Amino acid sequence: TEIDWKAYMQEVEGFANGTLDYTQLKGDTGPLVYPAGFVYIFLGLYHATGRGSDIRLAQYLFAALYLLNLLLVFRIYCRTNKVPPYVFFFMCCASYRIHSIFVLRLFNDPVAMAILFLAINLFLEERWSWGCLLFSLAVSVKMNILLFAPGLLFLLLQRFGLLGCIPKLCICALLQVVLGLPFLLVNPIGYLTRSFDLGRQFQFKWTVNWRFLPEEVFQNRAFHAVLLLAHLAGLGLFALHRWHSSKDSILTLLKDPAKRKPPSPPLTVNDILWQASHVCPLNASAQIVFILFSSNFLGVCCSRSLHYQFYVWYFHTLPYLLWCTPTTKLAHMPKVLLLGVIELCWNTYPSTVCSSLSLHICHGLILLQLWYGMAPTPVSHTPTPSRKRTATSKKAQ
């Protein structure tokens, strides 16, 4: 359980000793491949734990981070009011892999996700500037947070228009420059290529999601291009047909919100009844969470490889993705079963053809549920007469 922690400590030790050339920061597992925010946070842990030697103290700190992460997630779920309370038991107590990622392996992934969930809490409070600042900080710890970026961009355009969202994007960019400045001044190319390497190859032996493929296909650049196209297509479809609720063109998001058309007239009673029986209408907070969580989930589904620590990228979002759509009493059990199968897939080591295929099937079922469960409400419907009214009319005849 100490391999990654020791490598992290070796990587930041070079910075502590005055090395500012990013290409010279290395550990037993290879060169440093995370942005500068990772260096500063784990440098603090390096000094707090006696140069990384007090691993027990580090585990206590990560246990506190785990509890803080749960608190932030629960606060998000309370604002959306979509997930039944019993599901939180599975989130807290039923995942050996998540507990291992936090407290046994001390990965940087949960650090990035905790900061991300804090940013989402700020978005829900309509504190978009502070939220963007923390979102950028999370990106600086690990790049997987960029999977939420398409959803965040959509939300910024929706609320501020093109010109209004530029200052928020500048906040994100400026923080990256400030954090990386010491390294950019010494070796800018080395810093950018190491910390934001989007073309890095992954080892086949660690993949959780593509074990059923031959290794030569897994490593093939054409396969990576297909996954990227699938990811972009999925984002485009969700942005056009599931995130964008207005009947106007999606290009209206580029306009100033004050200059957009007024909202559509209120729904009729029949529209509301149809909506209640076919889709799950979202309040403002739930809509923000749906867009961000689904944006990340699409990225996870199309990832070139998922390693075991990557489970934390979307574990805490799965209950929302499953329960934000309409759920009958009999449908609760299949959703719980999906959570259990996904957990089993992530706890199968090494991954097998069966476990990786099962994971893709579960992801596919969730995507289908999101697509059909969040379908937009039709403009109008022909009123359906009630039984009582029908009986009365027959008697009149």
Protein backbone atom coordinates (compact mmCIF):
# COMPACT_ATOMS: atom_id res chain seq x y z
CA THR A 1 0.00 0.00 0.00
CA GLU A 2 3.03 2.32 0.23
CA ILE A 3 4.16 2.27 -3.41
CA ASP A 4 2.29 5.32 -4.69
CA TRP A 5 2.70 7.31 -1.48
CA LYS A 6 6.48 6.85 -1.54
CA ALA A 7 6.57 7.82 -5.21
CA TYR A 8 4.57 10.97 -4.45
CA MET A 9 6.96 11.88 -1.65
CA GLN A 10 9.98 11.33 -3.88
CA GLU A 11 8.46 13.55 -6.56
CA VAL A 12 7.76 16.49 -4.23
CA GLU A 13 11.06 16.02 -2.38
CA GLY A 14 12.89 17.23 -5.48
CA PHE A 15 10.80 20.42 -5.42
CA ALA A 16 11.49 20.80 -1.68
CA ASN A 17 15.21 20.62 -2.47
CA GLY A 18 14.92 23.42 -5.04
CA THR A 19 14.38 21.58 -8.33
CA LEU A 20 12.11 23.66 -10.60
CA ASP A 21 12.64 21.74 -13.84
CA TYR A 22 9.49 19.58 -14.00
CA THR A 23 11.21 16.93 -16.10
CA GLN A 24 13.61 16.27 -13.19
CA LEU A 25 10.88 15.51 -10.64
CA LYS A 26 10.63 11.72 -10.48
CA GLY A 27 9.74 8.82 -8.22
CA ASP A 28 10.03 5.04 -8.19
CA THR A 29 6.94 4.71 -10.41
CA GLY A 30 8.25 7.16 -13.03
CA PRO A 31 8.25 10.90 -13.75
CA LEU A 32 5.82 13.35 -12.18
CA VAL A 33 2.78 13.60 -14.49
CA TYR A 34 0.41 15.79 -12.42
CA PRO A 35 -0.02 19.60 -12.53
CA ALA A 36 1.50 21.98 -10.00
CA GLY A 37 -1.38 21.96 -7.51
CA PHE A 38 -0.53 18.34 -6.73
CA VAL A 39 3.03 19.37 -5.88
CA TYR A 40 1.98 22.05 -3.39
CA ILE A 41 -0.65 19.93 -1.61
CA PHE A 42 1.54 16.85 -1.30
CA LEU A 43 4.51 19.02 -0.32
CA GLY A 44 2.38 20.08 2.67
CA LEU A 45 1.73 16.40 3.44
CA TYR A 46 5.46 15.73 2.98
CA HIS A 47 6.35 18.20 5.74
CA ALA A 48 3.37 17.24 7.97
CA THR A 49 4.36 13.55 7.96
CA GLY A 50 8.09 13.92 8.58
CA ARG A 51 9.15 13.80 4.93
CA GLY A 52 6.57 11.14 4.23
CA SER A 53 7.83 8.70 6.86
CA ASP A 54 4.79 8.84 9.18
CA ILE A 55 2.37 6.93 6.97
CA ARG A 56 -0.06 6.32 9.85
CA LEU A 57 -0.53 10.09 10.25
CA ALA A 58 -1.07 10.39 6.51
CA GLN A 59 -3.80 7.73 6.75
CA TYR A 60 -5.52 9.67 9.53
CA LEU A 61 -5.41 12.81 7.37
CA PHE A 62 -6.92 10.92 4.45
CA ALA A 63 -9.59 9.44 6.73
CA ALA A 64 -10.54 13.02 7.65
CA LEU A 65 -10.56 13.87 3.95
CA TYR A 66 -12.89 10.91 3.36
CA LEU A 67 -15.37 12.21 5.95
CA LEU A 68 -15.16 15.72 4.54
CA ASN A 69 -15.77 14.36 1.04
CA LEU A 70 -18.88 12.52 2.25
CA LEU A 71 -20.17 15.67 3.92
CA LEU A 72 -19.75 17.65 0.69
CA VAL A 73 -21.46 14.91 -1.35
CA PHE A 74 -24.36 14.60 1.11
CA ARG A 75 -24.88 18.36 0.97
CA ILE A 76 -25.14 18.19 -2.82
CA TYR A 77 -27.64 15.33 -2.63
CA CYS A 78 -29.73 17.13 -0.03
CA ARG A 79 -30.06 20.10 -2.38
CA THR A 80 -31.28 17.90 -5.24
CA ASN A 81 -33.67 15.79 -3.17
CA LYS A 82 -33.57 12.89 -5.65
CA VAL A 83 -31.89 9.94 -3.93
CA PRO A 84 -33.70 7.84 -1.26
CA PRO A 85 -31.94 7.87 2.14
CA TYR A 86 -31.15 4.15 2.25
CA VAL A 87 -28.84 4.53 -0.76
CA PHE A 88 -26.41 6.54 1.37
CA PHE A 89 -25.59 3.35 3.27
CA PHE A 90 -24.05 1.89 0.12
CA MET A 91 -22.13 5.10 -0.48
CA CYS A 92 -20.67 5.10 3.06
CA CYS A 93 -20.17 1.48 4.01
CA ALA A 94 -20.38 -0.86 1.04
CA SER A 95 -17.33 0.02 -1.04
CA TYR A 96 -14.08 -1.65 -0.10
CA ARG A 97 -12.37 -0.16 -3.15
CA ILE A 98 -13.21 3.46 -2.24
CA HIS A 99 -11.98 2.99 1.33
CA SER A 100 -8.77 1.52 -0.07
CA ILE A 101 -8.26 4.44 -2.48
CA PHE A 102 -8.61 6.97 0.33
CA VAL A 103 -7.03 5.44 3.42
CA LEU A 104 -4.81 2.57 2.25
CA ARG A 105 -3.32 3.86 -0.99
CA LEU A 106 -3.41 7.62 -0.30
CA PHE A 107 -3.93 8.50 -3.97
CA ASN A 108 -4.25 12.07 -5.25
CA ASP A 109 -7.56 11.24 -7.00
CA PRO A 110 -9.70 11.68 -3.83
CA VAL A 111 -7.96 14.98 -3.09
CA ALA A 112 -8.97 16.31 -6.51
CA MET A 113 -12.53 14.99 -6.15
CA ALA A 114 -13.03 16.51 -2.69
CA ILE A 115 -12.03 19.94 -4.04
CA LEU A 116 -14.35 19.38 -7.01
CA PHE A 117 -17.32 18.59 -4.76
CA LEU A 118 -16.58 21.75 -2.78
CA ALA A 119 -16.68 23.69 -6.07
CA ILE A 120 -20.05 22.12 -6.96
CA ASN A 121 -21.42 23.19 -3.57
CA LEU A 122 -20.39 26.74 -4.43
CA PHE A 123 -22.08 26.47 -7.84
CA LEU A 124 -25.28 25.44 -6.09
CA GLU A 125 -24.97 28.55 -3.91
CA GLU A 126 -24.63 30.64 -7.12
CA ARG A 127 -21.04 31.58 -6.18
CA TRP A 128 -19.71 30.94 -9.64
CA SER A 129 -16.42 32.84 -9.40
CA TRP A 130 -15.31 31.04 -6.25
CA GLY A 131 -16.57 27.77 -7.69
CA CYS A 132 -14.51 28.26 -10.86
CA LEU A 133 -11.44 29.03 -8.73
CA LEU A 134 -11.80 25.77 -6.81
CA PHE A 135 -12.65 23.85 -9.98
CA SER A 136 -9.36 25.01 -11.46
CA LEU A 137 -7.57 24.06 -8.24
CA ALA A 138 -9.01 20.55 -8.54
CA VAL A 139 -7.76 20.36 -12.15
CA SER A 140 -4.30 21.31 -10.91
CA VAL A 141 -4.28 18.24 -8.66
CA LYS A 142 -5.36 15.78 -11.37
CA MET A 143 -6.58 16.29 -14.93
CA ASN A 144 -9.54 13.92 -14.70
CA ILE A 145 -11.54 16.89 -13.37
CA LEU A 146 -11.55 18.18 -16.96
CA LEU A 147 -14.25 15.57 -17.66
CA PHE A 148 -16.63 17.93 -15.81
CA ALA A 149 -15.46 20.90 -17.91
CA PRO A 150 -17.94 20.54 -20.84
CA GLY A 151 -20.84 20.55 -18.39
CA LEU A 152 -19.41 23.53 -16.53
CA LEU A 153 -18.94 25.46 -19.79
CA PHE A 154 -22.57 24.77 -20.71
CA LEU A 155 -23.75 26.04 -17.31
CA LEU A 156 -21.63 29.20 -17.57
CA LEU A 157 -23.01 29.95 -21.03
CA GLN A 158 -26.54 29.24 -19.80
CA ARG A 159 -26.25 31.70 -16.92
CA PHE A 160 -23.94 34.41 -18.25
CA GLY A 161 -23.85 34.15 -22.05
CA LEU A 162 -20.62 34.16 -24.05
CA LEU A 163 -19.27 37.52 -22.87
CA GLY A 164 -20.36 36.95 -19.29
CA CYS A 165 -18.63 33.59 -18.94
CA ILE A 166 -15.25 34.85 -20.21
CA PRO A 167 -14.25 36.32 -16.80
CA LYS A 168 -15.08 32.96 -15.15
CA LEU A 169 -12.91 31.12 -17.67
CA CYS A 170 -10.14 33.64 -17.06
CA ILE A 171 -10.26 32.79 -13.35
CA CYS A 172 -9.69 29.12 -14.22
CA ALA A 173 -6.83 29.92 -16.60
CA LEU A 174 -5.16 32.48 -14.34
CA LEU A 175 -4.97 30.07 -11.40
CA GLN A 176 -3.25 27.48 -13.61
CA VAL A 177 -0.68 30.07 -14.63
CA VAL A 178 -0.06 31.25 -11.06
CA LEU A 179 0.36 27.70 -9.71
CA GLY A 180 2.63 26.63 -12.54
CA LEU A 181 4.62 29.87 -12.74
CA PRO A 182 7.77 28.66 -10.88
CA PHE A 183 8.04 25.74 -13.30
CA LEU A 184 6.98 27.70 -16.38
CA LEU A 185 9.79 30.21 -15.83
CA VAL A 186 12.41 27.44 -15.78
CA ASN A 187 11.17 24.93 -18.39
CA PRO A 188 7.72 25.82 -19.79
CA ILE A 189 7.68 23.06 -22.42
CA GLY A 190 8.75 20.45 -19.88
CA TYR A 191 6.03 21.53 -17.44
CA LEU A 192 3.23 21.58 -20.00
CA THR A 193 4.16 18.27 -21.65
CA ARG A 194 4.52 16.46 -18.32
CA SER A 195 1.59 17.86 -16.34
CA PHE A 196 -0.96 18.04 -19.19
CA ASP A 197 0.04 15.04 -21.29
CA LEU A 198 -3.21 14.03 -23.02
CA GLY A 199 -1.54 11.41 -25.20
CA ARG A 200 0.03 9.32 -22.46
CA GLN A 201 -0.15 5.56 -23.04
CA PHE A 202 -1.59 3.35 -20.28
CA GLN A 203 -0.40 -0.14 -19.38
CA PHE A 204 -2.78 -2.92 -20.38
CA LYS A 205 -2.20 -4.88 -17.18
CA TRP A 206 -3.91 -2.18 -15.08
CA THR A 207 -7.00 -1.60 -17.23
CA VAL A 208 -10.36 -2.29 -15.61
CA ASN A 209 -12.64 -1.47 -18.55
CA TRP A 210 -10.92 -2.85 -21.70
CA ARG A 211 -9.62 -6.24 -20.58
CA PHE A 212 -11.76 -8.05 -23.18
CA LEU A 213 -9.81 -6.40 -26.03
CA PRO A 214 -6.48 -7.67 -27.44
CA GLU A 215 -3.57 -5.58 -26.13
CA GLU A 216 -2.63 -4.39 -29.62
CA VAL A 217 -6.12 -2.92 -30.06
CA PHE A 218 -5.99 -1.34 -26.59
CA GLN A 219 -2.74 0.46 -27.49
CA ASN A 220 -3.81 1.40 -31.03
CA ARG A 221 -4.10 5.15 -31.69
CA ALA A 222 -7.06 4.59 -34.04
CA PHE A 223 -8.98 3.01 -31.15
CA HIS A 224 -8.19 6.07 -29.01
CA ALA A 225 -9.47 8.33 -31.80
CA VAL A 226 -12.74 6.37 -31.98
CA LEU A 227 -13.23 6.76 -28.23
CA LEU A 228 -12.58 10.50 -28.48
CA LEU A 229 -15.14 10.84 -31.28
CA ALA A 230 -17.67 8.82 -29.27
CA HIS A 231 -17.06 11.09 -26.27
CA LEU A 232 -17.54 14.27 -28.31
CA ALA A 233 -20.66 12.85 -29.98
CA GLY A 234 -22.14 11.91 -26.60
CA LEU A 235 -21.47 15.38 -25.20
CA GLY A 236 -23.02 16.97 -28.27
CA LEU A 237 -26.16 14.85 -28.09
CA PHE A 238 -26.65 15.45 -24.36
CA ALA A 239 -25.98 19.18 -24.72
CA LEU A 240 -28.51 19.51 -27.55
CA HIS A 241 -31.26 17.20 -26.31
CA ARG A 242 -30.91 16.71 -22.54
CA TRP A 243 -29.04 19.68 -21.06
CA HIS A 244 -30.67 22.33 -23.24
CA SER A 245 -34.28 22.50 -22.02
CA SER A 246 -35.37 25.58 -24.00
CA LYS A 247 -37.21 25.22 -27.32
CA ASP A 248 -34.90 27.86 -28.82
CA SER A 249 -31.68 27.02 -30.64
CA ILE A 250 -28.72 26.12 -28.44
CA LEU A 251 -26.91 29.08 -30.02
CA THR A 252 -29.08 31.36 -27.86
CA LEU A 253 -26.75 30.41 -25.00
CA LEU A 254 -24.18 32.71 -26.58
CA LYS A 255 -26.47 35.72 -26.06
CA ASP A 256 -26.68 37.85 -22.97
CA PRO A 257 -29.37 36.25 -20.72
CA ALA A 258 -31.18 39.60 -20.53
CA LYS A 259 -31.59 39.63 -24.32
CA ARG A 260 -32.96 36.14 -24.70
CA LYS A 261 -36.61 35.41 -25.39
CA PRO A 262 -38.87 35.31 -22.33
CA PRO A 263 -39.59 31.84 -20.95
CA SER A 264 -42.35 29.75 -22.48
CA PRO A 265 -45.87 30.03 -21.02
CA PRO A 266 -46.69 27.76 -18.09
CA LEU A 267 -47.46 24.10 -18.79
CA THR A 268 -51.06 22.96 -18.82
CA VAL A 269 -52.31 20.53 -16.19
CA ASN A 270 -52.17 17.75 -18.75
CA ASP A 271 -48.52 18.58 -19.57
CA ILE A 272 -47.62 18.46 -15.90
CA LEU A 273 -49.34 15.09 -15.45
CA TRP A 274 -47.53 13.68 -18.50
CA GLN A 275 -44.22 15.00 -17.21
CA ALA A 276 -44.76 13.46 -13.79
CA SER A 277 -45.43 10.04 -15.27
CA HIS A 278 -42.70 9.99 -17.96
CA VAL A 279 -39.78 12.16 -16.87
CA CYS A 280 -38.31 13.45 -13.66
CA PRO A 281 -38.45 17.28 -13.66
CA LEU A 282 -35.36 18.86 -12.10
CA ASN A 283 -35.16 21.91 -9.90
CA ALA A 284 -32.34 24.41 -10.48
CA SER A 285 -29.88 22.62 -8.18
CA ALA A 286 -30.72 19.21 -9.62
CA GLN A 287 -30.21 20.53 -13.15
CA ILE A 288 -26.72 21.82 -12.30
CA VAL A 289 -25.78 18.50 -10.74
CA PHE A 290 -27.25 16.49 -13.62
CA ILE A 291 -25.27 18.42 -16.23
CA LEU A 292 -21.97 18.15 -14.33
CA PHE A 293 -22.36 14.50 -13.30
CA SER A 294 -23.53 13.34 -16.74
CA SER A 295 -20.66 15.23 -18.41
CA ASN A 296 -18.19 13.37 -16.21
CA PHE A 297 -19.94 10.03 -16.70
CA LEU A 298 -19.77 10.31 -20.49
CA GLY A 299 -16.03 10.85 -20.16
CA VAL A 300 -15.64 7.82 -17.90
CA CYS A 301 -17.58 5.64 -20.34
CA CYS A 302 -15.26 6.65 -23.19
CA SER A 303 -11.98 6.58 -21.25
CA ARG A 304 -8.99 4.98 -22.95
CA SER A 305 -8.35 3.11 -19.71
CA LEU A 306 -9.70 3.04 -16.17
CA HIS A 307 -7.33 2.08 -13.38
CA TYR A 308 -8.50 0.96 -9.95
CA GLN A 309 -7.99 4.34 -8.30
CA PHE A 310 -10.12 5.96 -11.02
CA TYR A 311 -13.26 4.48 -9.43
CA VAL A 312 -13.42 7.53 -7.17
CA TRP A 313 -13.88 9.70 -10.28
CA TYR A 314 -17.55 8.77 -10.43
CA PHE A 315 -18.44 6.49 -7.51
CA HIS A 316 -20.16 9.24 -5.50
CA THR A 317 -22.10 10.42 -8.57
CA LEU A 318 -23.60 7.02 -9.44
CA PRO A 319 -26.58 7.17 -7.01
CA TYR A 320 -27.65 10.49 -8.47
CA LEU A 321 -27.31 9.28 -12.05
CA LEU A 322 -29.44 6.25 -11.19
CA TRP A 323 -32.15 8.00 -9.18
CA CYS A 324 -32.51 11.34 -10.95
CA THR A 325 -34.86 9.64 -13.42
CA PRO A 326 -38.35 8.34 -12.55
CA THR A 327 -38.29 5.34 -10.23
CA THR A 328 -41.23 3.07 -9.44
CA LYS A 329 -41.25 0.95 -6.30
CA LEU A 330 -40.24 -2.14 -8.25
CA ALA A 331 -37.41 -0.31 -10.04
CA HIS A 332 -35.38 0.42 -6.91
CA MET A 333 -33.97 -3.11 -6.72
CA PRO A 334 -32.50 -3.15 -10.27
CA LYS A 335 -30.77 0.16 -9.54
CA VAL A 336 -29.27 -1.19 -6.33
CA LEU A 337 -28.24 -4.29 -8.28
CA LEU A 338 -26.45 -2.09 -10.84
CA LEU A 339 -24.49 -0.44 -8.03
CA GLY A 340 -23.56 -3.88 -6.70
CA VAL A 341 -22.39 -5.20 -10.09
CA ILE A 342 -20.29 -2.08 -10.70
CA GLU A 343 -18.73 -2.49 -7.26
CA LEU A 344 -17.99 -6.14 -7.99
CA CYS A 345 -16.32 -5.21 -11.30
CA TRP A 346 -14.05 -2.72 -9.56
CA ASN A 347 -13.14 -5.24 -6.86
CA THR A 348 -12.13 -7.95 -9.34
CA TYR A 349 -8.31 -8.01 -9.44
CA PRO A 350 -6.89 -8.51 -11.92
CA SER A 351 -9.75 -7.55 -14.18
CA THR A 352 -11.18 -10.24 -16.44
CA VAL A 353 -13.04 -10.35 -19.73
CA CYS A 354 -16.26 -10.90 -17.77
CA SER A 355 -15.69 -8.05 -15.29
CA SER A 356 -14.77 -5.50 -17.97
CA LEU A 357 -17.71 -6.47 -20.20
CA SER A 358 -20.06 -6.30 -17.21
CA LEU A 359 -18.79 -2.83 -16.39
CA HIS A 360 -19.54 -1.60 -19.92
CA ILE A 361 -23.01 -3.16 -19.82
CA CYS A 362 -23.76 -1.36 -16.54
CA HIS A 363 -22.49 1.92 -17.97
CA GLY A 364 -24.62 1.40 -21.07
CA LEU A 365 -27.75 0.77 -19.00
CA ILE A 366 -27.17 3.95 -17.01
CA LEU A 367 -26.68 5.95 -20.21
CA LEU A 368 -29.91 4.58 -21.67
CA GLN A 369 -31.77 5.43 -18.49
CA LEU A 370 -30.41 8.99 -18.53
CA TRP A 371 -31.28 9.45 -22.18
CA TYR A 372 -34.85 8.17 -22.05
CA GLY A 373 -35.61 9.18 -18.46
CA MET A 374 -34.63 12.80 -19.06
CA ALA A 375 -36.50 13.18 -22.37
CA PRO A 376 -37.95 16.70 -22.84
CA THR A 377 -41.63 17.30 -22.20
CA PRO A 378 -43.85 17.56 -25.31
CA VAL A 379 -45.45 20.94 -26.01
CA SER A 380 -49.00 19.77 -25.43
CA HIS A 381 -51.15 16.67 -25.20
CA THR A 382 -54.77 15.86 -25.85
CA PRO A 383 -56.52 15.71 -22.47
CA THR A 384 -57.46 12.21 -21.44
CA PRO A 385 -60.94 12.08 -19.89
CA SER A 386 -61.19 10.47 -16.52
CA ARG A 387 -63.22 7.33 -15.90
CA LYS A 388 -65.78 9.23 -13.90
CA ARG A 389 -66.25 11.78 -16.66
CA THR A 390 -66.59 9.03 -19.28
CA ALA A 391 -69.22 7.21 -17.23
CA THR A 392 -71.20 10.43 -16.85
CA SER A 393 -71.19 11.08 -20.57
CA LYS A 394 -72.41 7.55 -21.30
CA LYS A 395 -75.27 8.01 -18.85
CA ALA A 396 -76.23 11.27 -20.54
CA GLN A 397 -76.40 9.47 -23.89
